[in-house]
Amino acid sequence: MRGEQTITHDEVRCIERAAARAWPARETADIDGWLWRGSGGGSRRANSVLPVEFMGADPERAIDRVEALYRAQGIRSYFQVSS
């Protein structure tokens, strides 16, 4: 493909964060750099974690926190993954 460009990890993070701000969930929380989003069910996007930048020391602990927040709302945990 002529003129193909590679998108950097920083650019992907910027795009994902901009998209999250453009279509915000009802509730959000920062979990060690991950954006937890909750809207009480329905949309997977609005009820998923955007794990674009982890800044914690223990990813398993962060996953436990994410799952606890969704359990409290009575919905499944989803992680939005970008390639």
N, C-alpha and C. Protein backbone atom coordinates (compact mmCIF):
# COMPACT_ATOMS: atom_id res chain seq x y z
N MET A 1 0.84 -1.17 0.00
CA MET A 1 0.00 0.00 0.00
C MET A 1 0.89 1.24 0.00
N ARG A 2 0.75 2.08 -0.97
CA ARG A 2 1.56 3.29 -1.09
C ARG A 2 1.15 4.33 -0.06
N GLY A 3 2.11 4.94 0.60
CA GLY A 3 1.84 6.01 1.54
C GLY A 3 1.33 5.53 2.90
N GLU A 4 1.47 4.26 3.19
CA GLU A 4 1.00 3.71 4.47
C GLU A 4 1.82 4.29 5.62
N GLN A 5 1.11 4.70 6.68
CA GLN A 5 1.78 5.25 7.84
C GLN A 5 1.50 4.37 9.05
N THR A 6 2.44 4.34 9.95
CA THR A 6 2.27 3.61 11.19
C THR A 6 1.79 4.60 12.25
N ILE A 7 0.78 4.19 12.99
CA ILE A 7 0.26 5.02 14.08
C ILE A 7 1.00 4.62 15.35
N THR A 8 1.50 5.59 16.08
CA THR A 8 2.26 5.31 17.30
C THR A 8 1.31 5.00 18.46
N HIS A 9 1.86 4.41 19.51
CA HIS A 9 1.08 4.12 20.71
C HIS A 9 0.53 5.41 21.32
N ASP A 10 1.33 6.47 21.31
CA ASP A 10 0.87 7.75 21.84
C ASP A 10 -0.33 8.28 21.04
N GLU A 11 -0.27 8.13 19.73
CA GLU A 11 -1.39 8.58 18.89
C GLU A 11 -2.65 7.75 19.17
N VAL A 12 -2.50 6.46 19.34
CA VAL A 12 -3.65 5.61 19.66
C VAL A 12 -4.26 6.04 20.99
N ARG A 13 -3.41 6.29 22.00
CA ARG A 13 -3.92 6.75 23.30
C ARG A 13 -4.69 8.06 23.16
N CYS A 14 -4.16 8.98 22.38
CA CYS A 14 -4.84 10.28 22.18
C CYS A 14 -6.18 10.09 21.48
N ILE A 15 -6.23 9.25 20.47
CA ILE A 15 -7.47 9.00 19.73
C ILE A 15 -8.49 8.36 20.65
N GLU A 16 -8.08 7.34 21.41
CA GLU A 16 -9.01 6.65 22.30
C GLU A 16 -9.54 7.59 23.39
N ARG A 17 -8.69 8.39 23.96
CA ARG A 17 -9.13 9.34 25.00
C ARG A 17 -10.08 10.40 24.40
N ALA A 18 -9.79 10.88 23.20
CA ALA A 18 -10.67 11.86 22.55
C ALA A 18 -12.04 11.24 22.27
N ALA A 19 -12.06 10.01 21.81
CA ALA A 19 -13.34 9.32 21.56
C ALA A 19 -14.13 9.14 22.85
N ALA A 20 -13.45 8.82 23.93
CA ALA A 20 -14.12 8.65 25.23
C ALA A 20 -14.72 9.97 25.71
N ARG A 21 -14.01 11.07 25.49
CA ARG A 21 -14.54 12.39 25.88
C ARG A 21 -15.71 12.81 25.00
N ALA A 22 -15.69 12.41 23.73
CA ALA A 22 -16.76 12.79 22.80
C ALA A 22 -18.06 12.05 23.09
N TRP A 23 -17.97 10.87 23.69
CA TRP A 23 -19.14 10.06 23.98
C TRP A 23 -19.01 9.56 25.42
N PRO A 24 -19.21 10.46 26.39
CA PRO A 24 -18.90 10.10 27.78
C PRO A 24 -19.94 9.16 28.41
N ALA A 25 -19.46 8.36 29.34
CA ALA A 25 -20.34 7.51 30.13
C ALA A 25 -20.94 8.35 31.26
N ARG A 26 -21.99 7.81 31.88
CA ARG A 26 -22.65 8.52 32.98
C ARG A 26 -21.70 8.66 34.18
N GLU A 27 -20.93 7.61 34.46
CA GLU A 27 -19.97 7.63 35.56
C GLU A 27 -18.61 7.22 35.03
N THR A 28 -17.56 7.80 35.58
CA THR A 28 -16.21 7.39 35.23
C THR A 28 -15.35 7.36 36.49
N ALA A 29 -14.29 6.60 36.43
CA ALA A 29 -13.32 6.57 37.52
C ALA A 29 -11.96 6.24 36.94
N ASP A 30 -10.93 6.81 37.54
CA ASP A 30 -9.57 6.49 37.15
C ASP A 30 -9.09 5.33 38.02
N ILE A 31 -8.68 4.26 37.39
CA ILE A 31 -8.13 3.11 38.12
C ILE A 31 -6.71 2.90 37.60
N ASP A 32 -5.78 3.52 38.28
CA ASP A 32 -4.36 3.40 37.93
C ASP A 32 -4.08 3.75 36.47
N GLY A 33 -4.74 4.77 35.95
CA GLY A 33 -4.56 5.20 34.56
C GLY A 33 -5.57 4.65 33.59
N TRP A 34 -6.32 3.63 34.00
CA TRP A 34 -7.39 3.09 33.16
C TRP A 34 -8.64 3.92 33.38
N LEU A 35 -9.43 4.11 32.34
CA LEU A 35 -10.69 4.85 32.44
C LEU A 35 -11.83 3.86 32.59
N TRP A 36 -12.36 3.76 33.82
CA TRP A 36 -13.53 2.92 34.08
C TRP A 36 -14.76 3.73 33.71
N ARG A 37 -15.69 3.09 32.97
CA ARG A 37 -16.91 3.78 32.54
C ARG A 37 -18.12 2.95 32.93
N GLY A 38 -19.11 3.63 33.50
CA GLY A 38 -20.33 2.94 33.90
C GLY A 38 -21.55 3.75 33.50
N SER A 39 -22.52 3.06 32.94
CA SER A 39 -23.78 3.71 32.55
C SER A 39 -24.98 2.82 32.88
N GLY A 40 -24.78 1.85 33.76
CA GLY A 40 -25.90 1.05 34.23
C GLY A 40 -26.41 0.00 33.27
N GLY A 41 -25.60 -0.51 32.39
CA GLY A 41 -26.04 -1.56 31.47
C GLY A 41 -26.31 -1.02 30.09
N GLY A 42 -26.64 -1.93 29.19
CA GLY A 42 -26.94 -1.53 27.80
C GLY A 42 -25.70 -1.53 26.94
N SER A 43 -25.10 -0.40 26.75
CA SER A 43 -23.96 -0.23 25.85
C SER A 43 -22.68 -0.81 26.43
N ARG A 44 -22.02 -1.66 25.66
CA ARG A 44 -20.73 -2.17 26.13
C ARG A 44 -19.68 -1.08 26.17
N ARG A 45 -19.72 -0.16 25.22
CA ARG A 45 -18.74 0.92 25.21
C ARG A 45 -18.86 1.78 26.46
N ALA A 46 -20.09 2.10 26.83
CA ALA A 46 -20.33 2.95 27.99
C ALA A 46 -20.17 2.20 29.30
N ASN A 47 -20.02 0.90 29.24
CA ASN A 47 -19.83 0.06 30.42
C ASN A 47 -18.59 -0.79 30.27
N SER A 48 -17.50 -0.14 29.88
CA SER A 48 -16.25 -0.86 29.68
C SER A 48 -15.09 -0.02 30.21
N VAL A 49 -13.98 -0.70 30.42
CA VAL A 49 -12.77 -0.03 30.86
C VAL A 49 -11.91 0.25 29.63
N LEU A 50 -11.40 1.45 29.57
CA LEU A 50 -10.48 1.83 28.51
C LEU A 50 -9.06 1.77 29.09
N PRO A 51 -8.35 0.66 28.89
CA PRO A 51 -7.04 0.49 29.52
C PRO A 51 -5.89 1.01 28.66
N VAL A 52 -5.93 2.30 28.34
CA VAL A 52 -4.92 2.82 27.41
C VAL A 52 -3.58 3.11 28.07
N GLU A 53 -3.57 3.32 29.38
CA GLU A 53 -2.30 3.69 30.00
C GLU A 53 -2.31 3.25 31.47
N PHE A 54 -1.66 2.15 31.77
CA PHE A 54 -1.61 1.66 33.14
C PHE A 54 -0.45 2.30 33.87
N MET A 55 -0.71 2.89 35.03
CA MET A 55 0.33 3.56 35.80
C MET A 55 0.46 2.98 37.20
N GLY A 56 -0.19 1.85 37.44
CA GLY A 56 -0.13 1.25 38.77
C GLY A 56 0.99 0.24 38.87
N ALA A 57 1.05 -0.38 40.04
CA ALA A 57 2.09 -1.38 40.30
C ALA A 57 1.56 -2.80 40.17
N ASP A 58 0.23 -2.97 40.25
CA ASP A 58 -0.34 -4.31 40.31
C ASP A 58 -1.57 -4.41 39.40
N PRO A 59 -1.40 -4.87 38.15
CA PRO A 59 -2.54 -4.96 37.23
C PRO A 59 -3.65 -5.90 37.73
N GLU A 60 -3.29 -6.97 38.43
CA GLU A 60 -4.32 -7.87 38.95
C GLU A 60 -5.21 -7.18 39.98
N ARG A 61 -4.61 -6.34 40.81
CA ARG A 61 -5.38 -5.57 41.78
C ARG A 61 -6.32 -4.59 41.06
N ALA A 62 -5.83 -3.96 40.00
CA ALA A 62 -6.66 -3.04 39.23
C ALA A 62 -7.83 -3.78 38.58
N ILE A 63 -7.58 -4.97 38.06
CA ILE A 63 -8.67 -5.77 37.47
C ILE A 63 -9.70 -6.12 38.53
N ASP A 64 -9.24 -6.48 39.73
CA ASP A 64 -10.17 -6.77 40.82
C ASP A 64 -11.04 -5.56 41.14
N ARG A 65 -10.46 -4.36 41.15
CA ARG A 65 -11.23 -3.13 41.42
C ARG A 65 -12.26 -2.89 40.32
N VAL A 66 -11.85 -3.09 39.07
CA VAL A 66 -12.77 -2.94 37.93
C VAL A 66 -13.95 -3.89 38.08
N GLU A 67 -13.65 -5.16 38.31
CA GLU A 67 -14.71 -6.16 38.42
C GLU A 67 -15.64 -5.87 39.58
N ALA A 68 -15.11 -5.37 40.69
CA ALA A 68 -15.95 -5.03 41.84
C ALA A 68 -16.91 -3.89 41.51
N LEU A 69 -16.43 -2.89 40.78
CA LEU A 69 -17.31 -1.78 40.40
C LEU A 69 -18.45 -2.26 39.50
N TYR A 70 -18.16 -3.12 38.55
CA TYR A 70 -19.22 -3.63 37.68
C TYR A 70 -20.17 -4.57 38.42
N ARG A 71 -19.62 -5.40 39.31
CA ARG A 71 -20.50 -6.26 40.12
C ARG A 71 -21.48 -5.44 40.93
N ALA A 72 -21.02 -4.31 41.47
CA ALA A 72 -21.89 -3.42 42.26
C ALA A 72 -23.04 -2.88 41.41
N GLN A 73 -22.83 -2.78 40.09
CA GLN A 73 -23.88 -2.32 39.19
C GLN A 73 -24.68 -3.48 38.61
N GLY A 74 -24.26 -4.70 38.91
CA GLY A 74 -24.97 -5.87 38.40
C GLY A 74 -24.74 -6.15 36.93
N ILE A 75 -23.57 -5.73 36.41
CA ILE A 75 -23.27 -5.96 34.99
C ILE A 75 -21.90 -6.62 34.84
N ARG A 76 -21.68 -7.21 33.66
CA ARG A 76 -20.41 -7.87 33.36
C ARG A 76 -19.29 -6.86 33.13
N SER A 77 -18.07 -7.32 33.33
CA SER A 77 -16.89 -6.48 33.07
C SER A 77 -16.45 -6.63 31.62
N TYR A 78 -16.16 -5.52 30.99
CA TYR A 78 -15.62 -5.51 29.63
C TYR A 78 -14.43 -4.58 29.58
N PHE A 79 -13.43 -4.96 28.78
CA PHE A 79 -12.26 -4.11 28.55
C PHE A 79 -12.22 -3.80 27.07
N GLN A 80 -12.16 -2.52 26.73
CA GLN A 80 -12.04 -2.09 25.34
C GLN A 80 -10.57 -2.19 24.96
N VAL A 81 -10.28 -2.99 23.94
CA VAL A 81 -8.90 -3.22 23.56
C VAL A 81 -8.67 -2.66 22.15
N SER A 82 -7.62 -1.88 22.01
CA SER A 82 -7.24 -1.31 20.70
C SER A 82 -5.98 -2.00 20.23
N SER A 83 -5.90 -2.20 18.93
CA SER A 83 -4.69 -2.82 18.40
C SER A 83 -3.81 -1.79 17.75
